[in-house]
Structures are given as C-alpha cells and as structure tokens.
Amino acid sequence: MEASTFEHKNLQAATFTDVNLAEARFDNVNLSSSQFNNINLRGSKFTDINFSHASIEESCIDGLVIWGMNIRELIEAEWARRKAEVTLD
C-alpha cells in the first residue's frame, strides 16, 4: 500500500478507525478534536499540525514523528515536565 499524504487540510473532528496509515505524512493539517482509534501510524510524520483535543487510542504509534520528534521522546519530555511541576509545588 502506498503511503497516504495529507497536506493543507482541515480535518477538524475527523475520525480515523481501523485504518492503516503507516508511513503517512500530515503537513499543515488541522486535526483538532479528531480521533484516531485502532489505527497503524507506524513511521508516520506530522508537521505543522493542530492537535488540540485530539485523541489517539489503542493505536500503533511506533516510529511516529510529531514536531520533528519521535512520539516516545515527546511523551517522555512531557512526563518529565509534569514531574518537575509537581516537585516545585
């Protein structure tokens, strides 16, 4: 299957369910309030995306890149930031 490309799209409140989006490219896309349920995002890349209130549940996100960072790195950075905030309180 050829990788999907989404550029300059308004996909606000879109729902992706049971879809293979491995190696997909999302560039300058509004995904606010969108839902990703049981999809394969392995190796996908997101650039200049609005993710406010978006949800990614029960999906394969290995190798997913958002804002130039691997999703695992982003999650670890966010947990470290939150832990630092709690420590300061």
N, C-alpha and C. Protein backbone atom coordinates (compact mmCIF):
# COMPACT_ATOMS: atom_id res chain seq x y z
N MET A 1 0.84 -1.18 0.00
CA MET A 1 0.00 0.00 0.00
C MET A 1 0.89 1.24 0.00
N GLU A 2 0.59 2.19 -0.84
CA GLU A 2 1.34 3.44 -0.91
C GLU A 2 0.97 4.31 0.28
N ALA A 3 1.97 5.00 0.83
CA ALA A 3 1.73 5.86 2.00
C ALA A 3 0.79 7.00 1.64
N SER A 4 -0.08 7.34 2.58
CA SER A 4 -1.02 8.44 2.38
C SER A 4 -0.36 9.77 2.71
N THR A 5 -0.78 10.82 2.01
CA THR A 5 -0.29 12.16 2.28
C THR A 5 -1.48 13.10 2.44
N PHE A 6 -1.45 13.86 3.55
CA PHE A 6 -2.49 14.85 3.82
C PHE A 6 -1.79 16.20 3.96
N GLU A 7 -2.06 17.13 3.06
CA GLU A 7 -1.43 18.44 3.10
C GLU A 7 -2.48 19.54 3.04
N HIS A 8 -2.30 20.56 3.89
CA HIS A 8 -3.16 21.74 3.87
C HIS A 8 -4.65 21.35 3.92
N LYS A 9 -4.99 20.51 4.90
CA LYS A 9 -6.37 20.02 5.04
C LYS A 9 -6.96 20.46 6.37
N ASN A 10 -8.27 20.65 6.38
CA ASN A 10 -8.99 20.87 7.61
C ASN A 10 -9.74 19.58 7.93
N LEU A 11 -9.17 18.80 8.83
CA LEU A 11 -9.78 17.53 9.23
C LEU A 11 -10.29 17.61 10.67
N GLN A 12 -10.72 18.80 11.06
CA GLN A 12 -11.23 19.00 12.41
C GLN A 12 -12.36 18.02 12.69
N ALA A 13 -12.27 17.36 13.83
CA ALA A 13 -13.28 16.40 14.30
C ALA A 13 -13.40 15.17 13.40
N ALA A 14 -12.38 14.90 12.60
CA ALA A 14 -12.40 13.68 11.77
C ALA A 14 -12.18 12.46 12.66
N THR A 15 -12.69 11.33 12.24
CA THR A 15 -12.48 10.08 12.97
C THR A 15 -11.82 9.08 12.04
N PHE A 16 -10.68 8.55 12.50
CA PHE A 16 -9.97 7.50 11.77
C PHE A 16 -10.08 6.24 12.61
N THR A 17 -10.71 5.19 12.09
CA THR A 17 -10.90 3.95 12.83
C THR A 17 -10.51 2.76 11.97
N ASP A 18 -9.72 1.85 12.56
CA ASP A 18 -9.30 0.61 11.88
C ASP A 18 -8.69 0.91 10.50
N VAL A 19 -7.70 1.82 10.48
CA VAL A 19 -7.08 2.24 9.23
C VAL A 19 -5.57 2.03 9.31
N ASN A 20 -4.96 1.63 8.21
CA ASN A 20 -3.51 1.52 8.14
C ASN A 20 -2.97 2.82 7.55
N LEU A 21 -2.37 3.66 8.39
CA LEU A 21 -1.75 4.91 7.94
C LEU A 21 -0.24 4.87 8.16
N ALA A 22 0.34 3.68 8.09
CA ALA A 22 1.79 3.54 8.25
C ALA A 22 2.49 4.40 7.20
N GLU A 23 3.54 5.10 7.65
CA GLU A 23 4.35 5.95 6.79
C GLU A 23 3.57 7.14 6.21
N ALA A 24 2.41 7.45 6.76
CA ALA A 24 1.62 8.58 6.25
C ALA A 24 2.32 9.90 6.59
N ARG A 25 2.03 10.90 5.81
CA ARG A 25 2.58 12.24 6.03
C ARG A 25 1.42 13.23 6.20
N PHE A 26 1.45 13.97 7.29
CA PHE A 26 0.46 15.01 7.56
C PHE A 26 1.22 16.33 7.65
N ASP A 27 0.95 17.27 6.76
CA ASP A 27 1.65 18.55 6.75
C ASP A 27 0.65 19.69 6.68
N ASN A 28 0.72 20.59 7.69
CA ASN A 28 -0.18 21.74 7.76
C ASN A 28 -1.65 21.29 7.75
N VAL A 29 -1.99 20.46 8.73
CA VAL A 29 -3.34 19.88 8.82
C VAL A 29 -3.96 20.23 10.16
N ASN A 30 -5.23 20.60 10.14
CA ASN A 30 -5.98 20.84 11.38
C ASN A 30 -6.63 19.53 11.80
N LEU A 31 -6.13 18.95 12.89
CA LEU A 31 -6.68 17.70 13.43
C LEU A 31 -7.32 17.92 14.79
N SER A 32 -7.68 19.18 15.10
CA SER A 32 -8.27 19.44 16.41
C SER A 32 -9.55 18.63 16.58
N SER A 33 -9.69 18.07 17.76
CA SER A 33 -10.84 17.24 18.13
C SER A 33 -11.00 15.98 17.29
N SER A 34 -9.96 15.60 16.56
CA SER A 34 -10.01 14.36 15.77
C SER A 34 -9.74 13.16 16.65
N GLN A 35 -10.17 11.99 16.20
CA GLN A 35 -9.97 10.76 16.95
C GLN A 35 -9.27 9.74 16.07
N PHE A 36 -8.24 9.13 16.62
CA PHE A 36 -7.52 8.04 15.95
C PHE A 36 -7.74 6.80 16.80
N ASN A 37 -8.53 5.85 16.31
CA ASN A 37 -8.88 4.65 17.07
C ASN A 37 -8.44 3.39 16.33
N ASN A 38 -7.58 2.61 16.98
CA ASN A 38 -7.11 1.35 16.42
C ASN A 38 -6.57 1.52 15.00
N ILE A 39 -5.62 2.44 14.86
CA ILE A 39 -5.00 2.63 13.55
C ILE A 39 -3.50 2.40 13.64
N ASN A 40 -2.89 2.14 12.51
CA ASN A 40 -1.45 1.95 12.43
C ASN A 40 -0.82 3.25 11.94
N LEU A 41 -0.11 3.93 12.83
CA LEU A 41 0.60 5.16 12.48
C LEU A 41 2.11 4.95 12.48
N ARG A 42 2.54 3.69 12.42
CA ARG A 42 3.97 3.37 12.49
C ARG A 42 4.73 4.13 11.42
N GLY A 43 5.72 4.89 11.84
CA GLY A 43 6.59 5.61 10.92
C GLY A 43 5.97 6.83 10.27
N SER A 44 4.81 7.25 10.73
CA SER A 44 4.15 8.44 10.15
C SER A 44 4.83 9.71 10.63
N LYS A 45 4.62 10.79 9.90
CA LYS A 45 5.24 12.07 10.24
C LYS A 45 4.20 13.18 10.21
N PHE A 46 4.16 13.95 11.29
CA PHE A 46 3.23 15.07 11.41
C PHE A 46 4.05 16.36 11.48
N THR A 47 3.75 17.34 10.63
CA THR A 47 4.45 18.61 10.60
C THR A 47 3.43 19.74 10.57
N ASP A 48 3.59 20.74 11.44
CA ASP A 48 2.71 21.90 11.48
C ASP A 48 1.25 21.49 11.63
N ILE A 49 0.96 20.80 12.74
CA ILE A 49 -0.37 20.21 12.98
C ILE A 49 -1.03 20.86 14.19
N ASN A 50 -2.35 21.06 14.11
CA ASN A 50 -3.14 21.46 15.26
C ASN A 50 -3.75 20.19 15.85
N PHE A 51 -3.25 19.78 17.04
CA PHE A 51 -3.73 18.56 17.70
C PHE A 51 -4.63 18.85 18.90
N SER A 52 -5.05 20.09 19.11
CA SER A 52 -5.79 20.39 20.34
C SER A 52 -7.02 19.49 20.47
N HIS A 53 -7.14 18.87 21.62
CA HIS A 53 -8.26 17.98 21.96
C HIS A 53 -8.32 16.73 21.08
N ALA A 54 -7.24 16.38 20.39
CA ALA A 54 -7.23 15.15 19.59
C ALA A 54 -7.00 13.96 20.51
N SER A 55 -7.36 12.78 20.05
CA SER A 55 -7.24 11.57 20.85
C SER A 55 -6.64 10.45 20.00
N ILE A 56 -5.60 9.80 20.54
CA ILE A 56 -5.01 8.63 19.88
C ILE A 56 -5.12 7.48 20.87
N GLU A 57 -5.98 6.51 20.55
CA GLU A 57 -6.24 5.41 21.46
C GLU A 57 -6.05 4.06 20.77
N GLU A 58 -5.46 3.12 21.50
CA GLU A 58 -5.30 1.75 21.03
C GLU A 58 -4.75 1.69 19.62
N SER A 59 -3.73 2.49 19.35
CA SER A 59 -3.16 2.55 18.01
C SER A 59 -1.66 2.27 18.07
N CYS A 60 -1.13 1.77 16.98
CA CYS A 60 0.30 1.54 16.87
C CYS A 60 0.96 2.86 16.52
N ILE A 61 1.82 3.37 17.41
CA ILE A 61 2.47 4.65 17.15
C ILE A 61 3.99 4.52 17.13
N ASP A 62 4.51 3.29 16.97
CA ASP A 62 5.95 3.10 16.91
C ASP A 62 6.54 3.90 15.76
N GLY A 63 7.56 4.66 16.03
CA GLY A 63 8.23 5.42 14.99
C GLY A 63 7.48 6.66 14.54
N LEU A 64 6.36 6.97 15.18
CA LEU A 64 5.57 8.15 14.82
C LEU A 64 6.37 9.40 15.16
N VAL A 65 6.43 10.34 14.23
CA VAL A 65 7.20 11.57 14.43
C VAL A 65 6.25 12.76 14.41
N ILE A 66 6.29 13.57 15.47
CA ILE A 66 5.48 14.79 15.57
C ILE A 66 6.41 15.92 15.95
N TRP A 67 6.31 17.02 15.25
CA TRP A 67 7.16 18.20 15.50
C TRP A 67 8.63 17.82 15.43
N GLY A 68 8.98 16.91 14.55
CA GLY A 68 10.38 16.53 14.38
C GLY A 68 10.91 15.63 15.47
N MET A 69 10.05 15.18 16.39
CA MET A 69 10.49 14.30 17.47
C MET A 69 9.69 13.01 17.45
N ASN A 70 10.34 11.93 17.78
CA ASN A 70 9.66 10.66 17.92
C ASN A 70 8.63 10.79 19.04
N ILE A 71 7.44 10.22 18.87
CA ILE A 71 6.36 10.36 19.85
C ILE A 71 6.79 9.88 21.23
N ARG A 72 7.61 8.85 21.29
CA ARG A 72 8.09 8.36 22.60
C ARG A 72 8.90 9.45 23.30
N GLU A 73 9.75 10.18 22.54
CA GLU A 73 10.53 11.27 23.12
C GLU A 73 9.61 12.39 23.62
N LEU A 74 8.57 12.69 22.85
CA LEU A 74 7.63 13.74 23.27
C LEU A 74 6.91 13.36 24.56
N ILE A 75 6.48 12.10 24.64
CA ILE A 75 5.78 11.64 25.84
C ILE A 75 6.71 11.70 27.05
N GLU A 76 7.95 11.23 26.88
CA GLU A 76 8.90 11.26 27.98
C GLU A 76 9.21 12.69 28.41
N ALA A 77 9.33 13.61 27.44
CA ALA A 77 9.59 15.02 27.77
C ALA A 77 8.41 15.62 28.53
N GLU A 78 7.20 15.27 28.11
CA GLU A 78 6.00 15.80 28.79
C GLU A 78 5.91 15.27 30.22
N TRP A 79 6.19 13.97 30.42
CA TRP A 79 6.15 13.42 31.78
C TRP A 79 7.21 14.07 32.66
N ALA A 80 8.39 14.32 32.11
CA ALA A 80 9.46 14.99 32.87
C ALA A 80 9.03 16.40 33.25
N ARG A 81 8.39 17.11 32.32
CA ARG A 81 7.91 18.47 32.60
C ARG A 81 6.87 18.45 33.72
N ARG A 82 5.93 17.50 33.63
CA ARG A 82 4.88 17.42 34.66
C ARG A 82 5.46 17.06 36.02
N LYS A 83 6.43 16.14 36.02
CA LYS A 83 7.07 15.75 37.27
C LYS A 83 7.78 16.94 37.90
N ALA A 84 8.44 17.75 37.07
CA ALA A 84 9.13 18.95 37.57
C ALA A 84 8.14 19.93 38.17
N GLU A 85 6.97 20.08 37.55
CA GLU A 85 5.95 20.99 38.08
C GLU A 85 5.46 20.52 39.44
N VAL A 86 5.24 19.22 39.59
CA VAL A 86 4.75 18.67 40.86
C VAL A 86 5.82 18.85 41.93
N THR A 87 7.08 18.65 41.58
CA THR A 87 8.18 18.80 42.52
C THR A 87 8.30 20.23 43.03
N LEU A 88 8.01 21.19 42.13
CA LEU A 88 8.10 22.60 42.50
C LEU A 88 6.96 23.03 43.42
N ASP A 89 5.84 22.34 43.39
CA ASP A 89 4.67 22.75 44.19
C ASP A 89 4.83 22.45 45.64
